[in-house]
Amino acid sequence: MNRIVATGMAVPPCVVDNHLLARCMTTSDEWIVQRTGIRERRVSPDTYRMLQKLAAAPDKKAFMKSVFAEGLDGSINSSLMVSDLALEAAEKAMKNAGIAPRDLDCIVEATTVPDYAYPHTGCVLQGRLGLTSTPAISLQQGCAGFVYGLAIADQMMRGGMYRQVLVVGAELVSSMFDYTDAGRDMAVLFADGAGAVVMRAEPGPRGVLSSHLHTDGTVLDGLSGELFGSSTYPVVSQRKIADDRARPRMNGRAVFTQAVRRFKEVVRECLAAHGLGIGDVDRFIFHQANLRILEAVADSLEIPADRVFKNVERYGNTAAASVPIALHEAVQAGLVRDGDLVLLVSFGTGFSWGATLIRW
């Protein structure tokens, strides 16, 4: 069986509460908490510094426009990259597993916005770990990326290709958003962070039991971002920025409806594959997208509240990093114990969604 033998996580040091956002856009702590359950989130030092300046700017729209056009304080270089967070989380997971980078057979990494358009973040992470031939794979499944990564790692290990795999979900998405009223719906939700696990092939009944993955590419407008995509020619241009096509877009109602529906479907599918019911699962680790989504799913499936782990209040939606961060914190808090049945579930852009059942 392929077991998760260790976890790790990393988040930036900068905490942004709802009160700071309320100084940048028309919102309030009460409004954000009521609709999302989020009270604070972690962001890169660059985003934090930008928000402080935006809060004090007399013309917020003009200030935000200048940031996207010229960078912050005349610089376009980031002080923190997504590979920095991925590296920190990976090193913590490996330390907890008692291994060195050279002991890894493969790296599977998921990121929404990479350091570079190419090569992918998995490649960058591999190099920063000091490795020169270990294969690295990167996925772009958005918030569902980590669960997809676990499934891919598990299948490669089941086939005997690898024995020990590092799976990482890392995000630095805060730099994408407009923090004025124009981008409020997304800006209050998303944040930065990384989570990692070490998977090892070991004899015995404990480990990944099965994964169930799905995608629906017919609803791209629900949650998408053109950024440096080839949907425009050239892929990056001043016109693209001027037409507001360089920032992500979301249909909040569509995301909520689809997320609740797909969460319920894949939970039932996964449990039915093993002849199990909701009561058999000891801990549900859902993607921390929005507290209202988690509550709607739990209520509909009649999941006891004390079995659903939640940390969205403190971290917001960290996309592909959400599930591994939640898993790490649940393990560290003693909420996941040996022999427990743990169900990981995620839903992300595409739309893509999936569930992984684990005998811990």
Protein backbone atom coordinates (compact mmCIF):
# COMPACT_ATOMS: atom_id res chain seq x y z
CA MET A 1 0.00 0.00 0.00
CA ASN A 2 1.18 3.56 -0.67
CA ARG A 3 1.15 5.56 2.53
CA ILE A 4 1.52 9.22 3.38
CA VAL A 5 4.33 8.98 5.91
CA ALA A 6 4.87 12.70 6.56
CA THR A 7 3.37 16.12 5.90
CA GLY A 8 4.64 19.69 5.83
CA MET A 9 3.37 23.18 5.11
CA ALA A 10 4.53 26.77 4.58
CA VAL A 11 2.72 30.10 4.53
CA PRO A 12 4.06 33.64 4.10
CA PRO A 13 4.54 35.65 7.31
CA CYS A 14 2.21 38.48 6.22
CA VAL A 15 -1.33 38.31 7.62
CA VAL A 16 -4.10 40.31 5.93
CA ASP A 17 -7.30 40.60 7.92
CA ASN A 18 -10.64 41.75 6.59
CA HIS A 19 -10.21 45.20 8.10
CA LEU A 20 -7.23 45.96 5.85
CA LEU A 21 -9.23 44.83 2.81
CA ALA A 22 -12.08 47.08 3.92
CA ARG A 23 -9.70 50.03 3.62
CA CYS A 24 -8.98 49.09 0.00
CA MET A 25 -12.45 48.24 -1.31
CA THR A 26 -16.12 48.59 -0.40
CA THR A 27 -16.52 45.72 2.06
CA SER A 28 -16.40 44.95 5.76
CA ASP A 29 -15.27 42.24 8.12
CA GLU A 30 -18.92 41.31 8.71
CA TRP A 31 -19.67 41.08 4.95
CA ILE A 32 -16.67 38.83 4.23
CA VAL A 33 -17.20 36.55 7.24
CA GLN A 34 -20.90 36.17 6.51
CA ARG A 35 -20.32 35.15 2.88
CA THR A 36 -17.05 33.23 3.10
CA GLY A 37 -16.17 32.46 6.71
CA ILE A 38 -12.71 33.97 6.14
CA ARG A 39 -11.31 36.33 8.78
CA GLU A 40 -7.69 36.52 7.64
CA ARG A 41 -5.33 35.10 5.04
CA ARG A 42 -1.57 34.90 4.32
CA VAL A 43 -0.10 36.74 1.36
CA SER A 44 3.33 37.48 -0.10
CA PRO A 45 5.29 40.42 1.32
CA ASP A 46 4.81 42.23 -2.02
CA THR A 47 1.01 41.93 -1.84
CA TYR A 48 1.02 43.01 1.79
CA ARG A 49 3.10 46.08 1.04
CA MET A 50 0.89 46.91 -1.94
CA LEU A 51 -2.27 46.64 0.18
CA GLN A 52 -0.87 49.01 2.78
CA LYS A 53 -0.11 51.56 0.07
CA LEU A 54 -3.48 51.01 -1.60
CA ALA A 55 -5.30 51.57 1.70
CA ALA A 56 -3.65 54.99 2.00
CA ALA A 57 -4.03 55.97 -1.66
CA PRO A 58 -6.58 58.77 -2.34
CA ASP A 59 -7.36 57.37 -5.82
CA LYS A 60 -7.39 53.62 -5.37
CA LYS A 61 -8.34 52.77 -8.95
CA ALA A 62 -5.46 54.85 -10.32
CA PHE A 63 -3.01 53.33 -7.83
CA MET A 64 -4.01 49.76 -8.71
CA LYS A 65 -3.75 50.56 -12.40
CA SER A 66 -0.22 51.89 -11.90
CA VAL A 67 0.80 48.73 -10.04
CA PHE A 68 -0.33 46.50 -12.91
CA ALA A 69 1.32 48.79 -15.46
CA GLU A 70 4.61 49.63 -13.74
CA GLY A 71 5.05 47.24 -10.84
CA LEU A 72 5.30 48.13 -7.17
CA ASP A 73 7.62 51.06 -6.45
CA GLY A 74 8.94 50.81 -9.99
CA SER A 75 10.01 47.17 -9.65
CA ILE A 76 8.46 44.07 -11.21
CA ASN A 77 10.66 41.58 -9.36
CA SER A 78 8.98 39.42 -6.70
CA SER A 79 10.47 39.13 -3.23
CA LEU A 80 8.82 35.73 -2.83
CA MET A 81 8.11 33.11 -5.51
CA VAL A 82 5.85 30.10 -5.39
CA SER A 83 8.87 27.80 -5.51
CA ASP A 84 10.05 29.36 -2.22
CA LEU A 85 6.88 28.18 -0.49
CA ALA A 86 7.00 24.80 -2.26
CA LEU A 87 10.60 24.31 -1.14
CA GLU A 88 9.86 25.15 2.50
CA ALA A 89 6.86 22.81 2.67
CA ALA A 90 8.78 20.04 0.90
CA GLU A 91 11.77 20.33 3.22
CA LYS A 92 9.50 20.12 6.28
CA ALA A 93 7.72 17.05 4.93
CA MET A 94 11.03 15.34 4.14
CA LYS A 95 12.42 16.20 7.57
CA ASN A 96 9.32 14.71 9.18
CA ALA A 97 9.76 11.60 7.03
CA GLY A 98 13.44 11.33 7.98
CA ILE A 99 14.67 11.42 4.38
CA ALA A 100 16.85 13.60 2.16
CA PRO A 101 16.01 14.87 -1.33
CA ARG A 102 18.25 12.19 -2.86
CA ASP A 103 15.89 9.55 -1.42
CA LEU A 104 13.02 10.74 -3.64
CA ASP A 105 12.14 8.77 -6.75
CA CYS A 106 9.82 11.43 -8.19
CA ILE A 107 8.23 14.81 -7.50
CA VAL A 108 4.61 15.62 -8.38
CA GLU A 109 3.75 19.29 -7.93
CA ALA A 110 0.59 21.35 -8.48
CA THR A 111 0.50 25.12 -8.95
CA THR A 112 -1.94 27.56 -10.54
CA VAL A 113 0.52 30.38 -11.29
CA PRO A 114 4.14 29.18 -11.66
CA ASP A 115 7.40 31.09 -11.23
CA TYR A 116 7.82 31.02 -15.00
CA ALA A 117 5.57 30.24 -17.93
CA TYR A 118 8.11 27.47 -18.47
CA PRO A 119 9.84 25.47 -17.13
CA HIS A 120 7.19 24.33 -14.65
CA THR A 121 7.40 24.82 -10.89
CA GLY A 122 8.13 21.14 -10.28
CA CYS A 123 11.29 21.53 -12.33
CA VAL A 124 12.30 24.64 -10.38
CA LEU A 125 11.62 22.88 -7.08
CA GLN A 126 13.64 19.84 -8.15
CA GLY A 127 16.64 22.01 -8.93
CA ARG A 128 16.37 23.91 -5.66
CA LEU A 129 16.41 20.59 -3.82
CA GLY A 130 19.79 19.95 -5.42
CA LEU A 131 18.57 17.14 -7.65
CA THR A 132 19.78 16.71 -11.21
CA SER A 133 17.92 13.70 -12.65
CA THR A 134 14.92 12.94 -10.41
CA PRO A 135 11.75 13.30 -12.54
CA ALA A 136 9.41 16.16 -11.70
CA ILE A 137 5.82 16.54 -12.89
CA SER A 138 3.67 19.68 -12.61
CA LEU A 139 -0.11 19.85 -12.77
CA GLN A 140 -2.41 22.78 -13.41
CA GLN A 141 -5.73 21.58 -12.00
CA GLY A 142 -6.21 24.66 -9.84
CA CYS A 143 -7.64 23.88 -6.42
CA ALA A 144 -7.97 20.18 -7.33
CA GLY A 145 -4.27 19.89 -8.15
CA PHE A 146 -3.09 18.20 -4.97
CA VAL A 147 -5.70 15.41 -5.06
CA TYR A 148 -4.86 14.83 -8.73
CA GLY A 149 -1.18 14.73 -7.77
CA LEU A 150 -1.81 12.11 -5.08
CA ALA A 151 -3.70 9.94 -7.56
CA ILE A 152 -0.91 10.13 -10.14
CA ALA A 153 1.77 9.38 -7.56
CA ASP A 154 -0.24 6.47 -6.17
CA GLN A 155 -0.75 4.90 -9.60
CA MET A 156 2.93 5.19 -10.52
CA MET A 157 3.84 3.55 -7.23
CA ARG A 158 1.25 0.80 -7.63
CA GLY A 159 2.85 -0.06 -10.94
CA GLY A 160 6.23 -0.45 -9.26
CA MET A 161 7.75 2.52 -11.07
CA TYR A 162 8.62 4.43 -7.87
CA ARG A 163 8.79 3.69 -4.17
CA GLN A 164 8.98 7.17 -2.62
CA VAL A 165 7.31 10.27 -4.06
CA LEU A 166 7.01 13.88 -2.91
CA VAL A 167 3.63 15.48 -3.68
CA VAL A 168 3.35 19.26 -3.32
CA GLY A 169 0.56 21.81 -3.72
CA ALA A 170 1.93 25.36 -3.74
CA GLU A 171 0.32 28.70 -4.56
CA LEU A 172 1.28 32.35 -4.77
CA VAL A 173 -1.89 33.75 -6.31
CA SER A 174 -2.37 36.97 -4.35
CA SER A 175 -0.44 38.98 -6.94
CA MET A 176 -3.10 38.26 -9.61
CA PHE A 177 -5.95 40.24 -8.12
CA ASP A 178 -7.33 43.75 -8.29
CA TYR A 179 -7.90 44.76 -4.66
CA THR A 180 -10.30 47.58 -5.50
CA ASP A 181 -14.06 47.12 -5.93
CA ALA A 182 -13.45 45.85 -9.48
CA GLY A 183 -11.84 42.66 -8.20
CA ARG A 184 -13.49 42.32 -4.82
CA ASP A 185 -15.32 39.02 -5.39
CA MET A 186 -12.10 37.08 -5.92
CA ALA A 187 -9.62 39.18 -3.96
CA VAL A 188 -11.28 38.50 -0.60
CA LEU A 189 -11.12 34.72 -1.13
CA PHE A 190 -7.68 33.68 -2.32
CA ALA A 191 -4.33 33.57 -0.57
CA ASP A 192 -0.84 32.06 -0.62
CA GLY A 193 0.68 28.92 0.89
CA ALA A 194 2.06 25.45 0.26
CA GLY A 195 1.59 21.93 1.58
CA ALA A 196 3.52 18.74 0.92
CA VAL A 197 3.47 15.03 1.70
CA VAL A 198 5.92 12.17 1.32
CA MET A 199 4.34 8.97 -0.01
CA ARG A 200 6.07 5.64 0.48
CA ALA A 201 5.27 2.13 -0.72
CA GLU A 202 5.00 -0.11 2.34
CA PRO A 203 3.38 -3.48 3.02
CA GLY A 204 0.18 -3.50 5.04
CA PRO A 205 -3.44 -2.27 4.96
CA ARG A 206 -2.68 1.42 5.55
CA GLY A 207 -2.44 3.88 2.68
CA VAL A 208 -4.35 5.22 -0.31
CA LEU A 209 -7.39 3.03 -0.96
CA SER A 210 -8.61 4.75 -4.12
CA SER A 211 -8.88 8.06 -5.97
CA HIS A 212 -11.79 9.30 -8.08
CA LEU A 213 -11.14 12.14 -10.53
CA HIS A 214 -13.41 14.17 -12.82
CA THR A 215 -13.30 17.19 -15.14
CA ASP A 216 -15.92 19.25 -16.95
CA GLY A 217 -14.33 21.55 -19.54
CA THR A 218 -17.64 22.90 -20.83
CA VAL A 219 -17.92 25.57 -18.12
CA LEU A 220 -14.63 27.42 -18.53
CA ASP A 221 -16.22 30.80 -17.87
CA GLY A 222 -17.01 29.74 -14.31
CA LEU A 223 -13.41 30.18 -13.20
CA SER A 224 -10.59 30.98 -15.59
CA GLY A 225 -7.56 33.17 -16.20
CA GLU A 226 -5.89 34.06 -19.49
CA LEU A 227 -2.73 35.52 -17.94
CA PHE A 228 0.08 34.46 -20.31
CA GLY A 229 -2.18 32.06 -22.24
CA SER A 230 -2.22 31.74 -26.02
CA SER A 231 -5.85 32.91 -26.11
CA THR A 232 -4.38 36.26 -27.18
CA TYR A 233 -1.68 37.20 -29.66
CA PRO A 234 0.86 38.01 -28.46
CA VAL A 235 0.39 36.15 -25.20
CA VAL A 236 1.31 39.28 -23.20
CA SER A 237 0.54 42.81 -24.36
CA GLN A 238 -0.43 46.22 -23.05
CA ARG A 239 -3.78 45.76 -24.77
CA LYS A 240 -4.37 42.54 -22.85
CA ILE A 241 -3.83 44.40 -19.60
CA ALA A 242 -5.93 47.37 -20.72
CA ASP A 243 -8.82 45.06 -21.65
CA ASP A 244 -8.59 43.45 -18.20
CA ARG A 245 -7.79 40.04 -19.69
CA ALA A 246 -4.64 39.49 -17.64
CA ARG A 247 -6.54 38.87 -14.39
CA PRO A 248 -8.63 35.84 -13.37
CA ARG A 249 -12.42 35.78 -13.72
CA MET A 250 -15.02 33.96 -11.67
CA ASN A 251 -18.76 33.43 -11.74
CA GLY A 252 -19.31 33.05 -8.02
CA ARG A 253 -22.80 31.59 -8.28
CA ALA A 254 -21.70 28.98 -10.82
CA VAL A 255 -18.69 28.00 -8.72
CA PHE A 256 -20.80 27.61 -5.57
CA THR A 257 -23.45 25.53 -7.32
CA GLN A 258 -20.97 23.30 -9.14
CA ALA A 259 -18.71 22.87 -6.10
CA VAL A 260 -21.51 21.74 -3.80
CA ARG A 261 -22.90 19.36 -6.44
CA ARG A 262 -19.55 17.84 -7.37
CA PHE A 263 -18.36 17.52 -3.77
CA LYS A 264 -21.45 15.48 -2.92
CA GLU A 265 -21.21 13.33 -6.04
CA VAL A 266 -17.56 12.37 -5.63
CA VAL A 267 -17.90 11.71 -1.89
CA ARG A 268 -20.74 9.28 -2.58
CA GLU A 269 -18.86 7.69 -5.49
CA CYS A 270 -15.71 7.16 -3.45
CA LEU A 271 -17.49 5.65 -0.45
CA ALA A 272 -19.75 3.48 -2.61
CA ALA A 273 -16.66 1.96 -4.27
CA HIS A 274 -15.74 0.51 -0.87
CA GLY A 275 -19.21 -0.23 0.46
CA LEU A 276 -18.86 2.51 3.07
CA GLY A 277 -21.14 5.19 4.43
CA ILE A 278 -20.59 8.70 5.78
CA GLY A 279 -20.41 7.35 9.33
CA ASP A 280 -17.42 5.17 8.48
CA VAL A 281 -15.17 8.16 7.75
CA ASP A 282 -13.24 9.52 10.72
CA ARG A 283 -12.06 12.79 9.14
CA PHE A 284 -13.16 14.76 6.09
CA ILE A 285 -10.48 17.08 4.68
CA PHE A 286 -12.26 19.28 2.15
CA HIS A 287 -10.70 21.95 -0.02
CA GLN A 288 -11.05 25.13 2.02
CA ALA A 289 -12.74 27.19 -0.68
CA ASN A 290 -15.47 28.90 1.28
CA LEU A 291 -17.06 28.04 4.63
CA ARG A 292 -20.53 28.26 3.09
CA ILE A 293 -19.63 25.55 0.55
CA LEU A 294 -18.27 23.30 3.31
CA GLU A 295 -21.40 23.80 5.40
CA ALA A 296 -23.73 23.16 2.47
CA VAL A 297 -21.94 19.90 1.59
CA ALA A 298 -21.79 18.71 5.21
CA ASP A 299 -25.46 19.49 5.80
CA SER A 300 -26.58 17.77 2.61
CA LEU A 301 -24.54 14.62 3.29
CA GLU A 302 -25.37 14.70 7.02
CA ILE A 303 -21.72 14.74 8.01
CA PRO A 304 -21.21 15.46 11.74
CA ALA A 305 -19.63 18.90 12.12
CA ASP A 306 -16.85 17.59 14.35
CA ARG A 307 -15.58 15.32 11.56
CA VAL A 308 -15.04 18.11 9.02
CA PHE A 309 -11.70 19.85 9.43
CA LYS A 310 -11.80 23.61 8.82
CA ASN A 311 -9.05 26.24 8.70
CA VAL A 312 -10.48 28.54 6.00
CA GLU A 313 -11.06 31.19 8.68
CA ARG A 314 -7.28 31.66 9.06
CA TYR A 315 -5.91 30.96 5.59
CA GLY A 316 -8.64 31.65 3.04
CA ASN A 317 -8.60 29.72 -0.22
CA THR A 318 -5.04 28.64 -0.98
CA ALA A 319 -6.09 26.66 -4.08
CA ALA A 320 -3.85 23.60 -4.66
CA ALA A 321 -2.19 24.17 -1.28
CA SER A 322 -5.49 24.06 0.61
CA VAL A 323 -5.93 20.30 1.09
CA PRO A 324 -2.30 19.50 2.06
CA ILE A 325 -2.20 22.46 4.49
CA ALA A 326 -5.45 21.28 6.09
CA LEU A 327 -4.17 17.70 6.21
CA HIS A 328 -0.91 18.79 7.84
CA GLU A 329 -2.69 20.82 10.50
CA ALA A 330 -5.18 18.03 11.20
CA VAL A 331 -2.31 15.55 11.65
CA GLN A 332 -0.35 17.94 13.87
CA ALA A 333 -3.44 18.56 16.02
CA GLY A 334 -3.93 14.83 16.56
CA LEU A 335 -7.21 14.83 14.64
CA VAL A 336 -5.93 12.15 12.25
CA ARG A 337 -4.73 9.02 14.00
CA ASP A 338 -3.37 5.64 12.98
CA GLY A 339 -6.07 3.50 11.43
CA ASP A 340 -8.45 6.40 10.73
CA LEU A 341 -10.34 6.59 7.46
CA VAL A 342 -9.58 10.01 5.95
CA LEU A 343 -11.32 11.41 2.88
CA LEU A 344 -9.62 14.19 0.93
CA VAL A 345 -11.91 16.10 -1.46
CA SER A 346 -11.21 19.06 -3.74
CA PHE A 347 -12.81 21.13 -6.49
CA GLY A 348 -11.11 23.60 -8.78
CA THR A 349 -10.92 25.48 -12.04
CA GLY A 350 -11.81 23.66 -15.21
CA PHE A 351 -13.92 22.49 -13.49
CA SER A 352 -11.87 19.63 -12.03
CA TRP A 353 -12.66 17.74 -8.85
CA GLY A 354 -11.69 14.56 -7.06
CA ALA A 355 -11.57 12.52 -3.86
CA THR A 356 -8.96 10.25 -2.30
CA LEU A 357 -9.79 7.79 0.48
CA ILE A 358 -6.93 6.91 2.83
CA ARG A 359 -6.57 4.40 5.65
CA TRP A 360 -4.23 6.37 7.85
